[in-house]
Amino acid sequence: MHLRFFRVAGWDSDKWVTKMFRDSSFVVCRSLLLTAAMLVVLSGCGEKKEQASAPAGQVVARVGDQVLTVQELETEFRWANIPADKRKDPEIVKRVLGDLVTRKYLLNQAMAAKLDREPTVLLDLLRARDQVLANAFSNRQLAARSSSVTKADVDKFIANNPAKFANQELISVEQVSVALDPATQSILEAMKSLGSLDEVDQKLTGMGIPHGRSTGVLNSAEIPDDLLKSIRARKPNDIFFARAGQNGVFLKIIGTEPHPVSGEAAAMLARQLLRTEMLKTDASMVGITARMEARYEGEYAKIMTDLPAKPLGN
């Protein structure tokens, strides 16, 4: 009996669109800071102008000199994935608007402390802007591709992936999870030979590493094919390792239950899974294209040429 290690696709997605700031000279650094400062000033002026002209019926709250509008509240609902029919629910409104008010209050405090003039904060603002625009472009491209998916595409996907539809299963697991960081990477490597969750639990406890032990249910439709194949071919008491976001998870299968999906439910699931596959494919192509067009300098040219790209945390 041995511990099998797998990487779960989709649970630890790579950041394919990155922004590199080169600060090899004072001129470059100063240019970045001036650009960021201009963005902040322009953004602030635009926000105050918009707030000053906001109709009274569009204002939902005021925090110091910050005016919160209906549009901002709707944006918060969108970011929180609140469905339209729930956006008038008093409990939801209270929570979301309360969080928005808190953020605006903290914004006032930060501006009063002139944090918007600190170089690190300015660069963080630039990075956030880059990320929002990059995500918006990626989402628009993905939406265009998703709209071209036909019924024939959906039917073919369902037929080619019976484990996700007709043969779908709910897999009950016991698991031990631990946060992944550079310090735990080598420890997890050394734990490959452990044969039970009790040993994993005891090892982590003895080393003083925070972790959690619990039970859960996995859906075979959401498990990568290689891991699912190994699970179905498992021996009694086999333990598996997978990445789940920023955590490493040791799994032991407790049992399985058939959960077939067909009809409209299968079609909806197929479109979701196809969208996920498109997202992964597009991200991979974007990463390749970006690296081909980039011109690295100095020591970074050798690093980016000689070493294969690895996800953060490996």
Protein backbone atom coordinates (compact mmCIF):
# COMPACT_ATOMS: atom_id res chain seq x y z
CA MET A 1 0.00 0.00 0.00
CA HIS A 2 1.33 3.40 -0.93
CA LEU A 3 0.34 7.01 -1.17
CA ARG A 4 -0.56 8.15 -4.67
CA PHE A 5 0.05 11.75 -5.60
CA PHE A 6 -2.04 13.51 -8.20
CA ARG A 7 -2.61 17.10 -9.20
CA VAL A 8 -6.29 17.96 -9.50
CA ALA A 9 -6.89 20.09 -12.57
CA GLY A 10 -9.06 23.13 -12.01
CA TRP A 11 -8.45 23.09 -8.21
CA ASP A 12 -5.13 24.89 -8.51
CA SER A 13 -5.37 26.88 -11.69
CA ASP A 14 -2.25 28.72 -12.90
CA LYS A 15 -2.22 32.51 -13.18
CA TRP A 16 -1.62 32.78 -16.91
CA VAL A 17 -1.86 36.56 -17.29
CA THR A 18 0.84 38.33 -15.25
CA LYS A 19 2.30 41.80 -15.24
CA MET A 20 6.06 42.20 -14.69
CA PHE A 21 7.43 45.53 -13.50
CA ARG A 22 11.08 46.10 -14.36
CA ASP A 23 12.80 48.54 -12.00
CA SER A 24 16.34 48.38 -13.37
CA SER A 25 16.71 52.15 -13.17
CA PHE A 26 15.38 55.10 -11.29
CA VAL A 27 13.81 56.44 -14.48
CA VAL A 28 11.69 53.34 -15.00
CA CYS A 29 10.55 53.29 -11.37
CA ARG A 30 9.71 56.98 -11.48
CA SER A 31 7.77 56.50 -14.71
CA LEU A 32 5.68 53.75 -13.15
CA LEU A 33 4.94 55.78 -10.06
CA LEU A 34 3.96 58.84 -12.07
CA THR A 35 1.67 56.74 -14.25
CA ALA A 36 0.06 55.17 -11.19
CA ALA A 37 -0.32 58.56 -9.54
CA MET A 38 -2.04 59.97 -12.65
CA LEU A 39 -4.41 56.99 -12.70
CA VAL A 40 -5.30 57.49 -9.05
CA VAL A 41 -5.82 61.24 -9.47
CA LEU A 42 -7.94 60.81 -12.60
CA SER A 43 -9.93 58.02 -10.99
CA GLY A 44 -10.52 60.10 -7.88
CA CYS A 45 -11.62 63.13 -9.88
CA GLY A 46 -13.99 61.02 -11.97
CA GLU A 47 -15.45 59.40 -8.87
CA LYS A 48 -16.07 62.70 -7.11
CA LYS A 49 -17.64 64.18 -10.24
CA GLU A 50 -19.91 61.16 -10.58
CA GLN A 51 -20.83 61.30 -6.89
CA ALA A 52 -21.56 65.02 -7.03
CA SER A 53 -23.93 64.55 -9.96
CA ALA A 54 -25.61 61.37 -8.66
CA PRO A 55 -29.41 61.87 -8.47
CA ALA A 56 -30.80 61.67 -4.95
CA GLY A 57 -32.76 58.53 -5.84
CA GLN A 58 -29.53 56.78 -6.87
CA VAL A 59 -27.76 57.34 -3.53
CA VAL A 60 -27.98 54.46 -1.05
CA ALA A 61 -25.59 55.73 1.65
CA ARG A 62 -22.96 58.32 2.52
CA VAL A 63 -19.74 57.61 4.38
CA GLY A 64 -17.78 60.80 5.04
CA ASP A 65 -17.29 62.35 1.61
CA GLN A 66 -18.00 59.02 -0.10
CA VAL A 67 -21.39 58.65 -1.80
CA LEU A 68 -22.56 55.09 -2.41
CA THR A 69 -24.85 54.66 -5.40
CA VAL A 70 -27.28 52.02 -6.56
CA GLN A 71 -24.83 51.15 -9.36
CA GLU A 72 -22.07 50.43 -6.84
CA LEU A 73 -24.40 48.24 -4.81
CA GLU A 74 -25.39 46.34 -7.96
CA THR A 75 -21.70 45.81 -8.69
CA GLU A 76 -21.26 44.33 -5.22
CA PHE A 77 -24.17 41.95 -5.88
CA ARG A 78 -22.52 40.91 -9.13
CA TRP A 79 -19.16 40.24 -7.49
CA ALA A 80 -20.89 38.24 -4.75
CA ASN A 81 -22.83 36.22 -7.37
CA ILE A 82 -26.15 37.23 -5.83
CA PRO A 83 -28.98 36.29 -8.24
CA ALA A 84 -31.27 39.10 -9.37
CA ASP A 85 -34.28 37.71 -7.52
CA LYS A 86 -32.38 37.84 -4.21
CA ARG A 87 -31.11 41.40 -4.45
CA LYS A 88 -34.08 42.85 -2.57
CA ASP A 89 -33.82 40.37 0.28
CA PRO A 90 -33.33 42.54 3.41
CA GLU A 91 -30.80 40.16 4.98
CA ILE A 92 -28.69 40.03 1.81
CA VAL A 93 -28.92 43.79 1.27
CA LYS A 94 -27.90 44.41 4.88
CA ARG A 95 -24.85 42.16 4.59
CA VAL A 96 -23.65 43.36 1.18
CA LEU A 97 -24.30 47.05 1.83
CA GLY A 98 -22.71 46.74 5.28
CA ASP A 99 -19.54 45.33 3.71
CA LEU A 100 -19.52 48.12 1.12
CA VAL A 101 -19.93 50.80 3.80
CA THR A 102 -17.05 49.29 5.77
CA ARG A 103 -14.81 49.34 2.70
CA LYS A 104 -15.68 52.95 1.95
CA TYR A 105 -14.96 53.90 5.55
CA LEU A 106 -11.55 52.25 5.34
CA LEU A 107 -10.96 54.00 2.01
CA ASN A 108 -11.57 57.34 3.71
CA GLN A 109 -9.08 56.43 6.44
CA ALA A 110 -6.49 55.33 3.88
CA MET A 111 -6.85 58.54 1.88
CA ALA A 112 -6.59 60.64 5.03
CA ALA A 113 -3.36 58.80 5.84
CA LYS A 114 -2.16 59.54 2.26
CA LEU A 115 -1.58 55.86 1.59
CA ASP A 116 -2.47 56.47 -2.05
CA ARG A 117 0.88 58.26 -2.39
CA GLU A 118 3.03 55.35 -1.25
CA PRO A 119 5.00 53.69 -4.08
CA THR A 120 4.04 50.13 -3.10
CA VAL A 121 0.35 51.01 -2.90
CA LEU A 122 0.51 52.76 -6.27
CA LEU A 123 2.03 49.69 -7.87
CA ASP A 124 -0.62 47.51 -6.25
CA LEU A 125 -3.30 49.75 -7.76
CA LEU A 126 -1.71 49.37 -11.18
CA ARG A 127 -1.62 45.62 -10.75
CA ALA A 128 -5.28 45.51 -9.74
CA ARG A 129 -6.20 47.55 -12.83
CA ASP A 130 -4.21 45.19 -15.06
CA GLN A 131 -5.91 42.17 -13.53
CA VAL A 132 -9.42 43.56 -13.94
CA LEU A 133 -8.84 44.47 -17.59
CA ALA A 134 -7.13 41.15 -18.35
CA ASN A 135 -9.99 39.21 -16.79
CA ALA A 136 -12.57 41.30 -18.64
CA PHE A 137 -10.90 40.56 -21.96
CA SER A 138 -10.57 36.84 -21.20
CA ASN A 139 -14.22 36.64 -20.14
CA ARG A 140 -15.37 38.38 -23.31
CA GLN A 141 -13.36 35.99 -25.49
CA LEU A 142 -14.69 33.01 -23.56
CA ALA A 143 -18.29 34.24 -23.87
CA ALA A 144 -17.88 34.52 -27.64
CA ARG A 145 -16.57 30.97 -27.88
CA SER A 146 -19.20 29.57 -25.53
CA SER A 147 -22.01 31.06 -27.61
CA SER A 148 -20.85 29.01 -30.60
CA VAL A 149 -21.32 25.66 -28.81
CA THR A 150 -24.04 23.67 -30.60
CA LYS A 151 -26.37 20.90 -29.45
CA ALA A 152 -24.25 18.48 -31.46
CA ASP A 153 -21.18 19.58 -29.48
CA VAL A 154 -23.04 19.02 -26.22
CA ASP A 155 -24.33 15.59 -27.25
CA LYS A 156 -20.87 14.52 -28.37
CA PHE A 157 -19.30 15.66 -25.09
CA ILE A 158 -21.90 13.73 -23.07
CA ALA A 159 -21.32 10.57 -25.13
CA ASN A 160 -17.53 10.82 -24.77
CA ASN A 161 -17.62 11.35 -21.00
CA PRO A 162 -19.96 8.76 -19.46
CA ALA A 163 -18.26 9.05 -16.05
CA LYS A 164 -19.52 12.61 -15.83
CA PHE A 165 -23.08 11.82 -16.91
CA ALA A 166 -24.67 8.35 -17.22
CA ASN A 167 -22.06 6.78 -14.91
CA GLN A 168 -21.64 9.76 -12.60
CA GLU A 169 -20.95 8.90 -8.94
CA LEU A 170 -20.89 10.68 -5.62
CA ILE A 171 -17.70 9.64 -3.84
CA SER A 172 -17.61 9.87 -0.05
CA VAL A 173 -14.15 10.61 1.30
CA GLU A 174 -12.31 11.14 4.56
CA GLN A 175 -9.64 13.77 4.21
CA VAL A 176 -6.78 15.56 5.89
CA SER A 177 -6.06 19.02 4.49
CA VAL A 178 -3.04 21.24 5.04
CA ALA A 179 -2.13 24.66 3.68
CA LEU A 180 0.54 24.55 0.99
CA ASP A 181 3.55 26.80 1.28
CA PRO A 182 7.29 26.45 0.60
CA ALA A 183 7.84 25.02 4.08
CA THR A 184 5.28 22.24 3.71
CA GLN A 185 6.28 21.16 0.19
CA SER A 186 9.27 19.09 1.28
CA ILE A 187 7.34 17.70 4.24
CA LEU A 188 4.58 16.43 1.97
CA GLU A 189 7.15 14.82 -0.30
CA ALA A 190 8.52 12.93 2.69
CA MET A 191 5.03 11.72 3.56
CA LYS A 192 4.50 9.78 0.33
CA SER A 193 5.27 6.50 2.01
CA LEU A 194 2.66 6.90 4.75
CA GLY A 195 -0.09 4.31 4.51
CA SER A 196 -3.08 5.76 6.35
CA LEU A 197 -4.76 9.01 7.25
CA ASP A 198 -4.03 8.28 10.91
CA GLU A 199 -0.31 8.29 10.11
CA VAL A 200 -0.68 11.52 8.12
CA ASP A 201 -2.63 13.11 10.96
CA GLN A 202 -0.10 12.00 13.57
CA LYS A 203 2.86 13.15 11.48
CA LEU A 204 1.44 16.61 10.93
CA THR A 205 0.43 16.91 14.57
CA GLY A 206 3.89 15.86 15.74
CA MET A 207 5.50 18.49 13.53
CA GLY A 208 3.13 21.19 14.73
CA ILE A 209 1.70 21.82 11.27
CA PRO A 210 -1.90 23.13 11.30
CA HIS A 211 -4.27 20.84 9.43
CA GLY A 212 -7.86 19.67 9.45
CA ARG A 213 -9.52 16.27 9.26
CA SER A 214 -13.05 15.88 7.96
CA THR A 215 -15.36 13.96 5.66
CA GLY A 216 -16.78 15.14 2.37
CA VAL A 217 -18.33 14.16 -0.94
CA LEU A 218 -16.74 14.48 -4.38
CA ASN A 219 -18.60 14.37 -7.66
CA SER A 220 -17.00 12.23 -10.37
CA ALA A 221 -18.00 14.89 -12.92
CA GLU A 222 -15.60 17.32 -11.25
CA ILE A 223 -12.64 14.96 -10.84
CA PRO A 224 -9.87 14.84 -13.48
CA ASP A 225 -9.88 11.68 -15.57
CA ASP A 226 -6.49 10.42 -14.35
CA LEU A 227 -7.44 10.72 -10.69
CA LEU A 228 -10.89 9.23 -11.28
CA LYS A 229 -9.35 6.26 -13.10
CA SER A 230 -7.00 5.62 -10.19
CA ILE A 231 -9.83 5.93 -7.67
CA ARG A 232 -11.88 3.35 -9.52
CA ALA A 233 -8.89 1.02 -9.68
CA ARG A 234 -8.02 1.55 -6.03
CA LYS A 235 -7.05 -1.12 -3.57
CA PRO A 236 -8.53 -1.27 -0.06
CA ASN A 237 -7.22 1.56 2.14
CA ASP A 238 -5.43 3.37 -0.73
CA ILE A 239 -4.75 7.02 0.01
CA PHE A 240 -4.55 9.74 -2.62
CA PHE A 241 -3.11 13.23 -2.56
CA ALA A 242 -4.56 16.16 -4.49
CA ARG A 243 -4.20 19.92 -4.63
CA ALA A 244 -7.30 21.93 -3.78
CA GLY A 245 -6.54 25.60 -4.33
CA GLN A 246 -3.89 26.60 -1.80
CA ASN A 247 -4.32 23.38 0.18
CA GLY A 248 -2.99 19.87 -0.11
CA VAL A 249 -5.56 17.16 0.62
CA PHE A 250 -4.95 13.52 1.57
CA LEU A 251 -7.99 11.45 0.58
CA LYS A 252 -9.32 8.05 1.50
CA ILE A 253 -12.40 6.70 -0.29
CA ILE A 254 -15.17 5.65 2.09
CA GLY A 255 -17.80 4.69 -0.46
CA THR A 256 -19.50 5.54 -3.75
CA GLU A 257 -23.08 6.11 -4.80
CA PRO A 258 -24.44 6.13 -8.40
CA HIS A 259 -25.70 9.55 -9.43
CA PRO A 260 -26.58 9.43 -13.15
CA VAL A 261 -27.44 12.67 -14.93
CA SER A 262 -29.46 12.89 -18.13
CA GLY A 263 -31.75 15.13 -20.13
CA GLU A 264 -31.65 18.89 -19.63
CA ALA A 265 -29.58 18.57 -16.45
CA ALA A 266 -26.91 16.71 -18.43
CA ALA A 267 -26.96 19.34 -21.17
CA MET A 268 -26.49 22.16 -18.65
CA LEU A 269 -23.64 20.31 -16.96
CA ALA A 270 -22.01 19.59 -20.32
CA ARG A 271 -22.07 23.27 -21.24
CA GLN A 272 -20.48 24.17 -17.91
CA LEU A 273 -17.74 21.57 -18.34
CA LEU A 274 -17.13 22.61 -21.94
CA ARG A 275 -16.79 26.20 -20.76
CA THR A 276 -14.23 25.07 -18.17
CA GLU A 277 -12.25 23.20 -20.84
CA MET A 278 -12.33 26.25 -23.10
CA LEU A 279 -11.10 28.41 -20.23
CA LYS A 280 -8.16 26.10 -19.60
CA THR A 281 -7.31 25.90 -23.30
CA ASP A 282 -7.54 29.66 -23.77
CA ALA A 283 -5.42 30.28 -20.68
CA SER A 284 -2.76 27.91 -21.94
CA MET A 285 -2.67 29.54 -25.38
CA VAL A 286 -2.55 33.03 -23.87
CA GLY A 287 0.38 32.00 -21.70
CA ILE A 288 2.28 30.58 -24.67
CA THR A 289 1.57 33.60 -26.87
CA ALA A 290 2.51 36.05 -24.14
CA ARG A 291 5.83 34.31 -23.50
CA MET A 292 6.59 34.28 -27.24
CA GLU A 293 5.98 38.00 -27.57
CA ALA A 294 7.81 38.99 -24.38
CA ARG A 295 11.43 40.13 -24.55
CA TYR A 296 13.20 39.36 -21.31
CA GLU A 297 16.35 41.18 -20.28
CA GLY A 298 19.38 40.57 -18.12
CA GLU A 299 19.32 37.54 -15.84
CA TYR A 300 15.61 37.08 -16.48
CA ALA A 301 16.27 36.15 -20.11
CA LYS A 302 18.25 33.09 -19.00
CA ILE A 303 15.77 32.15 -16.28
CA MET A 304 12.78 32.30 -18.61
CA THR A 305 14.61 30.44 -21.39
CA ASP A 306 16.24 27.65 -19.39
CA LEU A 307 13.58 26.73 -16.84
CA PRO A 308 10.16 25.20 -17.56
CA ALA A 309 7.24 27.19 -16.19
CA LYS A 310 5.81 25.77 -12.97
CA PRO A 311 2.71 26.80 -11.01
CA LEU A 312 3.31 28.73 -7.82
CA GLY A 313 3.53 26.43 -4.80
CA ASN A 314 5.32 23.57 -6.58
